[in-house]
Structure formats: C-alpha cells, structure tokens
Amino acid sequence: VSGGSAANTLAGISTLGLQCAFIGQVADDQLGKVFRHD
C-alpha cells in the first residue's frame, strides 16, 4: 500500500473533504506508478 508519513496524513485529510497536494520523488518504475495512482 502506498505510504510515506506526510502522504498518509494527506490521504487522511483528503478523505475528510479538504483540498490537498503532494510534493515527493518517485522513480520511473512500477512502484512509482503505484504510488502516483494511489
């Protein structure tokens, strides 16, 4: 499951109906695509 501390916090805030954006670095690979999709 996609994680990362601040990303998890944003996921929680977003489910409560607030507008969020994330800045973080993934690689151009399968796990990176999973993370972006999630």
Full PDB file with SEQRES, HELIX, SHEET, SSBOND, CRYST1, ORIGX, SCALE, CONECT and MASTER records, all heavy atoms in Angstrom:
SEQRES   1 A   38  VAL SER GLY GLY SER ALA ALA ASN THR LEU ALA GLY ILE          
SEQRES   2 A   38  SER THR LEU GLY LEU GLN CYS ALA PHE ILE GLY GLN VAL          
SEQRES   3 A   38  ALA ASP ASP GLN LEU GLY LYS VAL PHE ARG HIS ASP              
HELIX    1 AA1 SER A    5  THR A   15  1                                  11    
HELIX    2 AA2 GLN A   30  HIS A   37  1                                   8    
CRYST1    1.000    1.000    1.000  90.00  90.00  90.00 P 1           1          
ORIGX1      1.000000  0.000000  0.000000        0.00000                         
ORIGX2      0.000000  1.000000  0.000000        0.00000                         
ORIGX3      0.000000  0.000000  1.000000        0.00000                         
SCALE1      1.000000  0.000000  0.000000        0.00000                         
SCALE2      0.000000  1.000000  0.000000        0.00000                         
SCALE3      0.000000  0.000000  1.000000        0.00000                         
ATOM      1  N   VAL A   1       0.860  -1.187   0.000  1.00  0.00           N  
ATOM      2  CA  VAL A   1       0.000   0.000   0.000  1.00  0.00           C  
ATOM      3  C   VAL A   1       0.891   1.229   0.000  1.00  0.00           C  
ATOM      4  O   VAL A   1       1.934   1.233   0.646  1.00  0.00           O  
ATOM      5  CB  VAL A   1      -0.940   0.041   1.231  1.00  0.00           C  
ATOM      6  CG1 VAL A   1      -2.053  -0.957   1.125  1.00  0.00           C  
ATOM      7  CG2 VAL A   1      -0.182  -0.162   2.529  1.00  0.00           C  
ATOM      8  N   SER A   2       0.487   2.239  -0.723  1.00  0.00           N  
ATOM      9  CA  SER A   2       1.295   3.455  -0.748  1.00  0.00           C  
ATOM     10  C   SER A   2       1.334   4.072   0.639  1.00  0.00           C  
ATOM     11  O   SER A   2       0.317   4.145   1.320  1.00  0.00           O  
ATOM     12  CB  SER A   2       0.721   4.444  -1.751  1.00  0.00           C  
ATOM     13  OG  SER A   2       0.910   3.927  -3.050  1.00  0.00           O  
ATOM     14  N   GLY A   3       2.540   4.487   1.040  1.00  0.00           N  
ATOM     15  CA  GLY A   3       2.713   5.064   2.365  1.00  0.00           C  
ATOM     16  C   GLY A   3       3.534   6.333   2.313  1.00  0.00           C  
ATOM     17  O   GLY A   3       3.413   7.121   1.386  1.00  0.00           O  
ATOM     18  N   GLY A   4       4.394   6.489   3.300  1.00  0.00           N  
ATOM     19  CA  GLY A   4       5.117   7.753   3.452  1.00  0.00           C  
ATOM     20  C   GLY A   4       4.339   8.595   4.440  1.00  0.00           C  
ATOM     21  O   GLY A   4       3.139   8.802   4.289  1.00  0.00           O  
ATOM     22  N   SER A   5       5.009   9.069   5.480  1.00  0.00           N  
ATOM     23  CA  SER A   5       4.321   9.729   6.591  1.00  0.00           C  
ATOM     24  C   SER A   5       3.421  10.894   6.160  1.00  0.00           C  
ATOM     25  O   SER A   5       2.225  10.914   6.444  1.00  0.00           O  
ATOM     26  CB  SER A   5       5.364  10.205   7.604  1.00  0.00           C  
ATOM     27  OG  SER A   5       4.759  10.937   8.623  1.00  0.00           O  
ATOM     28  N   ALA A   6       3.999  11.873   5.477  1.00  0.00           N  
ATOM     29  CA  ALA A   6       3.199  13.044   5.089  1.00  0.00           C  
ATOM     30  C   ALA A   6       2.131  12.678   4.060  1.00  0.00           C  
ATOM     31  O   ALA A   6       1.025  13.219   4.076  1.00  0.00           O  
ATOM     32  CB  ALA A   6       4.114  14.136   4.529  1.00  0.00           C  
ATOM     33  N   ALA A   7       2.466  11.731   3.171  1.00  0.00           N  
ATOM     34  CA  ALA A   7       1.480  11.283   2.172  1.00  0.00           C  
ATOM     35  C   ALA A   7       0.299  10.606   2.857  1.00  0.00           C  
ATOM     36  O   ALA A   7      -0.860  10.795   2.460  1.00  0.00           O  
ATOM     37  CB  ALA A   7       2.148  10.326   1.182  1.00  0.00           C  
ATOM     38  N   ASN A   8       0.567   9.830   3.914  1.00  0.00           N  
ATOM     39  CA  ASN A   8      -0.521   9.214   4.676  1.00  0.00           C  
ATOM     40  C   ASN A   8      -1.402  10.272   5.320  1.00  0.00           C  
ATOM     41  O   ASN A   8      -2.631  10.159   5.343  1.00  0.00           O  
ATOM     42  CB  ASN A   8       0.050   8.318   5.790  1.00  0.00           C  
ATOM     43  CG  ASN A   8       0.767   7.093   5.256  1.00  0.00           C  
ATOM     44  OD1 ASN A   8       0.519   6.665   4.136  1.00  0.00           O  
ATOM     45  ND2 ASN A   8       1.644   6.534   6.057  1.00  0.00           N  
ATOM     46  N   THR A   9      -0.761  11.296   5.871  1.00  0.00           N  
ATOM     47  CA  THR A   9      -1.527  12.382   6.503  1.00  0.00           C  
ATOM     48  C   THR A   9      -2.427  13.063   5.478  1.00  0.00           C  
ATOM     49  O   THR A   9      -3.609  13.312   5.740  1.00  0.00           O  
ATOM     50  CB  THR A   9      -0.564  13.395   7.160  1.00  0.00           C  
ATOM     51  OG1 THR A   9       0.133  12.731   8.230  1.00  0.00           O  
ATOM     52  CG2 THR A   9      -1.309  14.589   7.727  1.00  0.00           C  
ATOM     53  N   LEU A  10      -1.884  13.340   4.297  1.00  0.00           N  
ATOM     54  CA  LEU A  10      -2.710  13.960   3.245  1.00  0.00           C  
ATOM     55  C   LEU A  10      -3.886  13.072   2.860  1.00  0.00           C  
ATOM     56  O   LEU A  10      -4.986  13.560   2.623  1.00  0.00           O  
ATOM     57  CB  LEU A  10      -1.869  14.228   1.998  1.00  0.00           C  
ATOM     58  CG  LEU A  10      -0.968  15.448   1.978  1.00  0.00           C  
ATOM     59  CD1 LEU A  10      -0.484  15.702   0.550  1.00  0.00           C  
ATOM     60  CD2 LEU A  10      -1.637  16.695   2.523  1.00  0.00           C  
ATOM     61  N   ALA A  11      -3.639  11.748   2.786  1.00  0.00           N  
ATOM     62  CA  ALA A  11      -4.726  10.823   2.434  1.00  0.00           C  
ATOM     63  C   ALA A  11      -5.855  10.950   3.450  1.00  0.00           C  
ATOM     64  O   ALA A  11      -7.038  10.963   3.089  1.00  0.00           O  
ATOM     65  CB  ALA A  11      -4.206   9.392   2.377  1.00  0.00           C  
ATOM     66  N   GLY A  12      -5.485  11.070   4.734  1.00  0.00           N  
ATOM     67  CA  GLY A  12      -6.496  11.237   5.777  1.00  0.00           C  
ATOM     68  C   GLY A  12      -7.240  12.561   5.653  1.00  0.00           C  
ATOM     69  O   GLY A  12      -8.464  12.624   5.790  1.00  0.00           O  
ATOM     70  N   ILE A  13      -6.493  13.626   5.382  1.00  0.00           N  
ATOM     71  CA  ILE A  13      -7.118  14.954   5.251  1.00  0.00           C  
ATOM     72  C   ILE A  13      -8.051  14.980   4.045  1.00  0.00           C  
ATOM     73  O   ILE A  13      -9.165  15.519   4.103  1.00  0.00           O  
ATOM     74  CB  ILE A  13      -6.038  16.050   5.113  1.00  0.00           C  
ATOM     75  CG1 ILE A  13      -5.190  16.129   6.386  1.00  0.00           C  
ATOM     76  CG2 ILE A  13      -6.668  17.408   4.813  1.00  0.00           C  
ATOM     77  CD1 ILE A  13      -3.956  17.010   6.252  1.00  0.00           C  
ATOM     78  N   SER A  14      -7.602  14.368   2.954  1.00  0.00           N  
ATOM     79  CA  SER A  14      -8.394  14.348   1.725  1.00  0.00           C  
ATOM     80  C   SER A  14      -9.720  13.601   1.917  1.00  0.00           C  
ATOM     81  O   SER A  14     -10.766  14.034   1.425  1.00  0.00           O  
ATOM     82  CB  SER A  14      -7.583  13.716   0.596  1.00  0.00           C  
ATOM     83  OG  SER A  14      -8.300  13.732  -0.615  1.00  0.00           O  
ATOM     84  N   THR A  15      -9.672  12.479   2.667  1.00  0.00           N  
ATOM     85  CA  THR A  15     -10.915  11.722   2.886  1.00  0.00           C  
ATOM     86  C   THR A  15     -11.903  12.513   3.735  1.00  0.00           C  
ATOM     87  O   THR A  15     -13.084  12.224   3.737  1.00  0.00           O  
ATOM     88  CB  THR A  15     -10.659  10.359   3.566  1.00  0.00           C  
ATOM     89  OG1 THR A  15     -10.026  10.589   4.830  1.00  0.00           O  
ATOM     90  CG2 THR A  15      -9.789   9.448   2.731  1.00  0.00           C  
ATOM     91  N   LEU A  16     -11.400  13.529   4.444  1.00  0.00           N  
ATOM     92  CA  LEU A  16     -12.297  14.383   5.230  1.00  0.00           C  
ATOM     93  C   LEU A  16     -12.784  15.584   4.428  1.00  0.00           C  
ATOM     94  O   LEU A  16     -13.413  16.491   4.967  1.00  0.00           O  
ATOM     95  CB  LEU A  16     -11.587  14.836   6.514  1.00  0.00           C  
ATOM     96  CG  LEU A  16     -11.407  13.706   7.539  1.00  0.00           C  
ATOM     97  CD1 LEU A  16     -10.450  14.110   8.643  1.00  0.00           C  
ATOM     98  CD2 LEU A  16     -12.755  13.300   8.131  1.00  0.00           C  
ATOM     99  N   GLY A  17     -12.471  15.577   3.125  1.00  0.00           N  
ATOM    100  CA  GLY A  17     -13.069  16.563   2.226  1.00  0.00           C  
ATOM    101  C   GLY A  17     -12.279  17.822   1.984  1.00  0.00           C  
ATOM    102  O   GLY A  17     -12.788  18.777   1.398  1.00  0.00           O  
ATOM    103  N   LEU A  18     -11.016  17.854   2.394  1.00  0.00           N  
ATOM    104  CA  LEU A  18     -10.209  19.048   2.174  1.00  0.00           C  
ATOM    105  C   LEU A  18      -9.357  18.884   0.918  1.00  0.00           C  
ATOM    106  O   LEU A  18      -9.094  17.771   0.473  1.00  0.00           O  
ATOM    107  CB  LEU A  18      -9.320  19.328   3.392  1.00  0.00           C  
ATOM    108  CG  LEU A  18     -10.052  19.978   4.583  1.00  0.00           C  
ATOM    109  CD1 LEU A  18     -10.873  18.966   5.348  1.00  0.00           C  
ATOM    110  CD2 LEU A  18      -9.064  20.657   5.540  1.00  0.00           C  
ATOM    111  N   GLN A  19      -8.933  20.013   0.356  1.00  0.00           N  
ATOM    112  CA  GLN A  19      -8.140  20.010  -0.877  1.00  0.00           C  
ATOM    113  C   GLN A  19      -6.653  19.895  -0.551  1.00  0.00           C  
ATOM    114  O   GLN A  19      -6.126  20.695   0.205  1.00  0.00           O  
ATOM    115  CB  GLN A  19      -8.380  21.314  -1.653  1.00  0.00           C  
ATOM    116  CG  GLN A  19      -9.770  21.449  -2.238  1.00  0.00           C  
ATOM    117  CD  GLN A  19     -10.077  20.346  -3.230  1.00  0.00           C  
ATOM    118  OE1 GLN A  19     -10.958  19.533  -3.008  1.00  0.00           O  
ATOM    119  NE2 GLN A  19      -9.338  20.320  -4.322  1.00  0.00           N  
ATOM    120  N   CYS A  20      -6.006  18.893  -1.144  1.00  0.00           N  
ATOM    121  CA  CYS A  20      -4.599  18.632  -0.821  1.00  0.00           C  
ATOM    122  C   CYS A  20      -3.747  18.430  -2.074  1.00  0.00           C  
ATOM    123  O   CYS A  20      -4.242  17.983  -3.110  1.00  0.00           O  
ATOM    124  CB  CYS A  20      -4.476  17.365   0.022  1.00  0.00           C  
ATOM    125  SG  CYS A  20      -5.373  17.410   1.577  1.00  0.00           S  
ATOM    126  N   ALA A  21      -2.456  18.714  -1.924  1.00  0.00           N  
ATOM    127  CA  ALA A  21      -1.482  18.421  -2.983  1.00  0.00           C  
ATOM    128  C   ALA A  21      -0.216  17.898  -2.324  1.00  0.00           C  
ATOM    129  O   ALA A  21       0.085  18.227  -1.172  1.00  0.00           O  
ATOM    130  CB  ALA A  21      -1.179  19.669  -3.805  1.00  0.00           C  
ATOM    131  N   PHE A  22       0.528  17.072  -3.060  1.00  0.00           N  
ATOM    132  CA  PHE A  22       1.726  16.429  -2.517  1.00  0.00           C  
ATOM    133  C   PHE A  22       2.926  16.696  -3.408  1.00  0.00           C  
ATOM    134  O   PHE A  22       2.811  16.728  -4.629  1.00  0.00           O  
ATOM    135  CB  PHE A  22       1.486  14.912  -2.421  1.00  0.00           C  
ATOM    136  CG  PHE A  22       2.655  14.135  -1.877  1.00  0.00           C  
ATOM    137  CD1 PHE A  22       3.003  14.219  -0.537  1.00  0.00           C  
ATOM    138  CD2 PHE A  22       3.412  13.315  -2.710  1.00  0.00           C  
ATOM    139  CE1 PHE A  22       4.091  13.504  -0.026  1.00  0.00           C  
ATOM    140  CE2 PHE A  22       4.499  12.595  -2.214  1.00  0.00           C  
ATOM    141  CZ  PHE A  22       4.830  12.691  -0.867  1.00  0.00           C  
ATOM    142  N   ILE A  23       4.075  16.893  -2.770  1.00  0.00           N  
ATOM    143  CA  ILE A  23       5.344  17.009  -3.484  1.00  0.00           C  
ATOM    144  C   ILE A  23       6.272  15.932  -2.939  1.00  0.00           C  
ATOM    145  O   ILE A  23       6.520  15.867  -1.723  1.00  0.00           O  
ATOM    146  CB  ILE A  23       5.981  18.403  -3.277  1.00  0.00           C  
ATOM    147  CG1 ILE A  23       5.090  19.492  -3.887  1.00  0.00           C  
ATOM    148  CG2 ILE A  23       7.380  18.454  -3.885  1.00  0.00           C  
ATOM    149  CD1 ILE A  23       5.530  20.916  -3.553  1.00  0.00           C  
ATOM    150  N   GLY A  24       6.754  15.054  -3.809  1.00  0.00           N  
ATOM    151  CA  GLY A  24       7.643  13.975  -3.394  1.00  0.00           C  
ATOM    152  C   GLY A  24       8.225  13.304  -4.628  1.00  0.00           C  
ATOM    153  O   GLY A  24       7.695  13.474  -5.737  1.00  0.00           O  
ATOM    154  N   GLN A  25       9.303  12.559  -4.439  1.00  0.00           N  
ATOM    155  CA  GLN A  25      10.027  11.996  -5.577  1.00  0.00           C  
ATOM    156  C   GLN A  25       9.855  10.483  -5.698  1.00  0.00           C  
ATOM    157  O   GLN A  25      10.214   9.746  -4.793  1.00  0.00           O  
ATOM    158  CB  GLN A  25      11.519  12.319  -5.450  1.00  0.00           C  
ATOM    159  CG  GLN A  25      12.325  11.993  -6.682  1.00  0.00           C  
ATOM    160  CD  GLN A  25      11.961  12.894  -7.849  1.00  0.00           C  
ATOM    161  OE1 GLN A  25      12.222  14.083  -7.830  1.00  0.00           O  
ATOM    162  NE2 GLN A  25      11.337  12.329  -8.876  1.00  0.00           N  
ATOM    163  N   VAL A  26       9.293  10.046  -6.830  1.00  0.00           N  
ATOM    164  CA  VAL A  26       9.280   8.618  -7.154  1.00  0.00           C  
ATOM    165  C   VAL A  26      10.215   8.397  -8.341  1.00  0.00           C  
ATOM    166  O   VAL A  26      10.592   9.336  -9.034  1.00  0.00           O  
ATOM    167  CB  VAL A  26       7.862   8.096  -7.507  1.00  0.00           C  
ATOM    168  CG1 VAL A  26       6.938   8.157  -6.309  1.00  0.00           C  
ATOM    169  CG2 VAL A  26       7.266   8.869  -8.696  1.00  0.00           C  
ATOM    170  N   ALA A  27      10.571   7.128  -8.559  1.00  0.00           N  
ATOM    171  CA  ALA A  27      11.342   6.772  -9.749  1.00  0.00           C  
ATOM    172  C   ALA A  27      10.374   6.408 -10.863  1.00  0.00           C  
ATOM    173  O   ALA A  27       9.179   6.192 -10.631  1.00  0.00           O  
ATOM    174  CB  ALA A  27      12.264   5.590  -9.435  1.00  0.00           C  
ATOM    175  N   ASP A  28      10.897   6.339 -12.060  1.00  0.00           N  
ATOM    176  CA  ASP A  28      10.084   5.953 -13.219  1.00  0.00           C  
ATOM    177  C   ASP A  28      10.035   4.418 -13.260  1.00  0.00           C  
ATOM    178  O   ASP A  28      10.664   3.785 -14.106  1.00  0.00           O  
ATOM    179  CB  ASP A  28      10.718   6.528 -14.494  1.00  0.00           C  
ATOM    180  CG  ASP A  28       9.827   6.324 -15.706  1.00  0.00           C  
ATOM    181  OD1 ASP A  28       8.659   5.903 -15.514  1.00  0.00           O  
ATOM    182  OD2 ASP A  28      10.293   6.554 -16.826  1.00  0.00           O  
ATOM    183  N   ASP A  29       9.314   3.820 -12.300  1.00  0.00           N  
ATOM    184  CA  ASP A  29       9.233   2.361 -12.224  1.00  0.00           C  
ATOM    185  C   ASP A  29       7.830   1.954 -11.752  1.00  0.00           C  
ATOM    186  O   ASP A  29       6.969   2.813 -11.534  1.00  0.00           O  
ATOM    187  CB  ASP A  29      10.320   1.791 -11.301  1.00  0.00           C  
ATOM    188  CG  ASP A  29      10.273   2.348  -9.871  1.00  0.00           C  
ATOM    189  OD1 ASP A  29       9.264   2.978  -9.509  1.00  0.00           O  
ATOM    190  OD2 ASP A  29      11.248   2.154  -9.125  1.00  0.00           O  
ATOM    191  N   GLN A  30       7.617   0.658 -11.591  1.00  0.00           N  
ATOM    192  CA  GLN A  30       6.283   0.157 -11.264  1.00  0.00           C  
ATOM    193  C   GLN A  30       5.768   0.679  -9.917  1.00  0.00           C  
ATOM    194  O   GLN A  30       4.627   1.107  -9.799  1.00  0.00           O  
ATOM    195  CB  GLN A  30       6.272  -1.384 -11.274  1.00  0.00           C  
ATOM    196  CG  GLN A  30       4.896  -2.010 -11.070  1.00  0.00           C  
ATOM    197  CD  GLN A  30       3.831  -1.497 -12.039  1.00  0.00           C  
ATOM    198  OE1 GLN A  30       4.111  -1.228 -13.199  1.00  0.00           O  
ATOM    199  NE2 GLN A  30       2.614  -1.328 -11.559  1.00  0.00           N  
ATOM    200  N   LEU A  31       6.625   0.639  -8.894  1.00  0.00           N  
ATOM    201  CA  LEU A  31       6.191   1.140  -7.584  1.00  0.00           C  
ATOM    202  C   LEU A  31       5.892   2.640  -7.636  1.00  0.00           C  
ATOM    203  O   LEU A  31       4.986   3.121  -6.954  1.00  0.00           O  
ATOM    204  CB  LEU A  31       7.242   0.850  -6.498  1.00  0.00           C  
ATOM    205  CG  LEU A  31       7.308  -0.581  -5.947  1.00  0.00           C  
ATOM    206  CD1 LEU A  31       8.326  -0.672  -4.812  1.00  0.00           C  
ATOM    207  CD2 LEU A  31       5.950  -1.077  -5.462  1.00  0.00           C  
ATOM    208  N   GLY A  32       6.645   3.361  -8.453  1.00  0.00           N  
ATOM    209  CA  GLY A  32       6.374   4.790  -8.626  1.00  0.00           C  
ATOM    210  C   GLY A  32       4.994   5.026  -9.220  1.00  0.00           C  
ATOM    211  O   GLY A  32       4.264   5.933  -8.814  1.00  0.00           O  
ATOM    212  N   LYS A  33       4.637   4.172 -10.196  1.00  0.00           N  
ATOM    213  CA  LYS A  33       3.299   4.282 -10.812  1.00  0.00           C  
ATOM    214  C   LYS A  33       2.209   3.939  -9.802  1.00  0.00           C  
ATOM    215  O   LYS A  33       1.158   4.585  -9.759  1.00  0.00           O  
ATOM    216  CB  LYS A  33       3.199   3.363 -12.025  1.00  0.00           C  
ATOM    217  CG  LYS A  33       4.059   3.799 -13.217  1.00  0.00           C  
ATOM    218  CD  LYS A  33       3.864   2.869 -14.412  1.00  0.00           C  
ATOM    219  CE  LYS A  33       4.665   3.344 -15.625  1.00  0.00           C  
ATOM    220  NZ  LYS A  33       6.113   3.104 -15.470  1.00  0.00           N  
ATOM    221  N   VAL A  34       2.462   2.916  -8.975  1.00  0.00           N  
ATOM    222  CA  VAL A  34       1.506   2.530  -7.930  1.00  0.00           C  
ATOM    223  C   VAL A  34       1.265   3.703  -6.978  1.00  0.00           C  
ATOM    224  O   VAL A  34       0.127   4.061  -6.662  1.00  0.00           O  
ATOM    225  CB  VAL A  34       2.033   1.301  -7.128  1.00  0.00           C  
ATOM    226  CG1 VAL A  34       1.230   1.076  -5.853  1.00  0.00           C  
ATOM    227  CG2 VAL A  34       1.994   0.043  -7.983  1.00  0.00           C  
ATOM    228  N   PHE A  35       2.370   4.310  -6.553  1.00  0.00           N  
ATOM    229  CA  PHE A  35       2.273   5.427  -5.604  1.00  0.00           C  
ATOM    230  C   PHE A  35       1.480   6.592  -6.206  1.00  0.00           C  
ATOM    231  O   PHE A  35       0.570   7.133  -5.582  1.00  0.00           O  
ATOM    232  CB  PHE A  35       3.670   5.897  -5.194  1.00  0.00           C  
ATOM    233  CG  PHE A  35       3.648   6.977  -4.144  1.00  0.00           C  
ATOM    234  CD1 PHE A  35       3.642   6.659  -2.803  1.00  0.00           C  
ATOM    235  CD2 PHE A  35       3.603   8.318  -4.519  1.00  0.00           C  
ATOM    236  CE1 PHE A  35       3.585   7.664  -1.835  1.00  0.00           C  
ATOM    237  CE2 PHE A  35       3.548   9.324  -3.566  1.00  0.00           C  
ATOM    238  CZ  PHE A  35       3.547   8.991  -2.213  1.00  0.00           C  
ATOM    239  N   ARG A  36       1.817   6.965  -7.446  1.00  0.00           N  
ATOM    240  CA  ARG A  36       1.126   8.099  -8.083  1.00  0.00           C  
ATOM    241  C   ARG A  36      -0.361   7.808  -8.243  1.00  0.00           C  
ATOM    242  O   ARG A  36      -1.213   8.659  -7.962  1.00  0.00           O  
ATOM    243  CB  ARG A  36       1.765   8.407  -9.440  1.00  0.00           C  
ATOM    244  CG  ARG A  36       1.297   9.740 -10.024  1.00  0.00           C  
ATOM    245  CD  ARG A  36       1.974  10.042 -11.353  1.00  0.00           C  
ATOM    246  NE  ARG A  36       3.427  10.136 -11.265  1.00  0.00           N  
ATOM    247  CZ  ARG A  36       4.080  11.228 -10.858  1.00  0.00           C  
ATOM    248  NH1 ARG A  36       3.423  12.306 -10.511  1.00  0.00           N  
ATOM    249  NH2 ARG A  36       5.407  11.223 -10.819  1.00  0.00           N  
ATOM    250  N   HIS A  37      -0.672   6.591  -8.671  1.00  0.00           N  
ATOM    251  CA  HIS A  37      -2.077   6.215  -8.848  1.00  0.00           C  
ATOM    252  C   HIS A  37      -2.834   6.317  -7.518  1.00  0.00           C  
ATOM    253  O   HIS A  37      -3.939   6.861  -7.454  1.00  0.00           O  
ATOM    254  CB  HIS A  37      -2.187   4.780  -9.385  1.00  0.00           C  
ATOM    255  CG  HIS A  37      -3.584   4.241  -9.304  1.00  0.00           C  
ATOM    256  ND1 HIS A  37      -4.021   3.507  -8.224  1.00  0.00           N  
ATOM    257  CD2 HIS A  37      -4.648   4.373 -10.137  1.00  0.00           C  
ATOM    258  CE1 HIS A  37      -5.309   3.200  -8.405  1.00  0.00           C  
ATOM    259  NE2 HIS A  37      -5.691   3.713  -9.552  1.00  0.00           N  
ATOM    260  N   ASP A  38      -2.230   5.773  -6.450  1.00  0.00           N  
ATOM    261  CA  ASP A  38      -2.898   5.773  -5.147  1.00  0.00           C  
ATOM    262  C   ASP A  38      -3.149   7.191  -4.643  1.00  0.00           C  
ATOM    263  O   ASP A  38      -4.204   7.479  -4.068  1.00  0.00           O  
ATOM    264  CB  ASP A  38      -2.082   4.996  -4.114  1.00  0.00           C  
ATOM    265  CG  ASP A  38      -2.139   3.491  -4.347  1.00  0.00           C  
ATOM    266  OD1 ASP A  38      -2.897   3.052  -5.227  1.00  0.00           O  
ATOM    267  OD2 ASP A  38      -1.421   2.752  -3.636  1.00  0.00           O  
TER     268      ASP A  38                                                      
MASTER        0    0    0    2    0    0    0    6  267    1    0    3          
END                                                                             
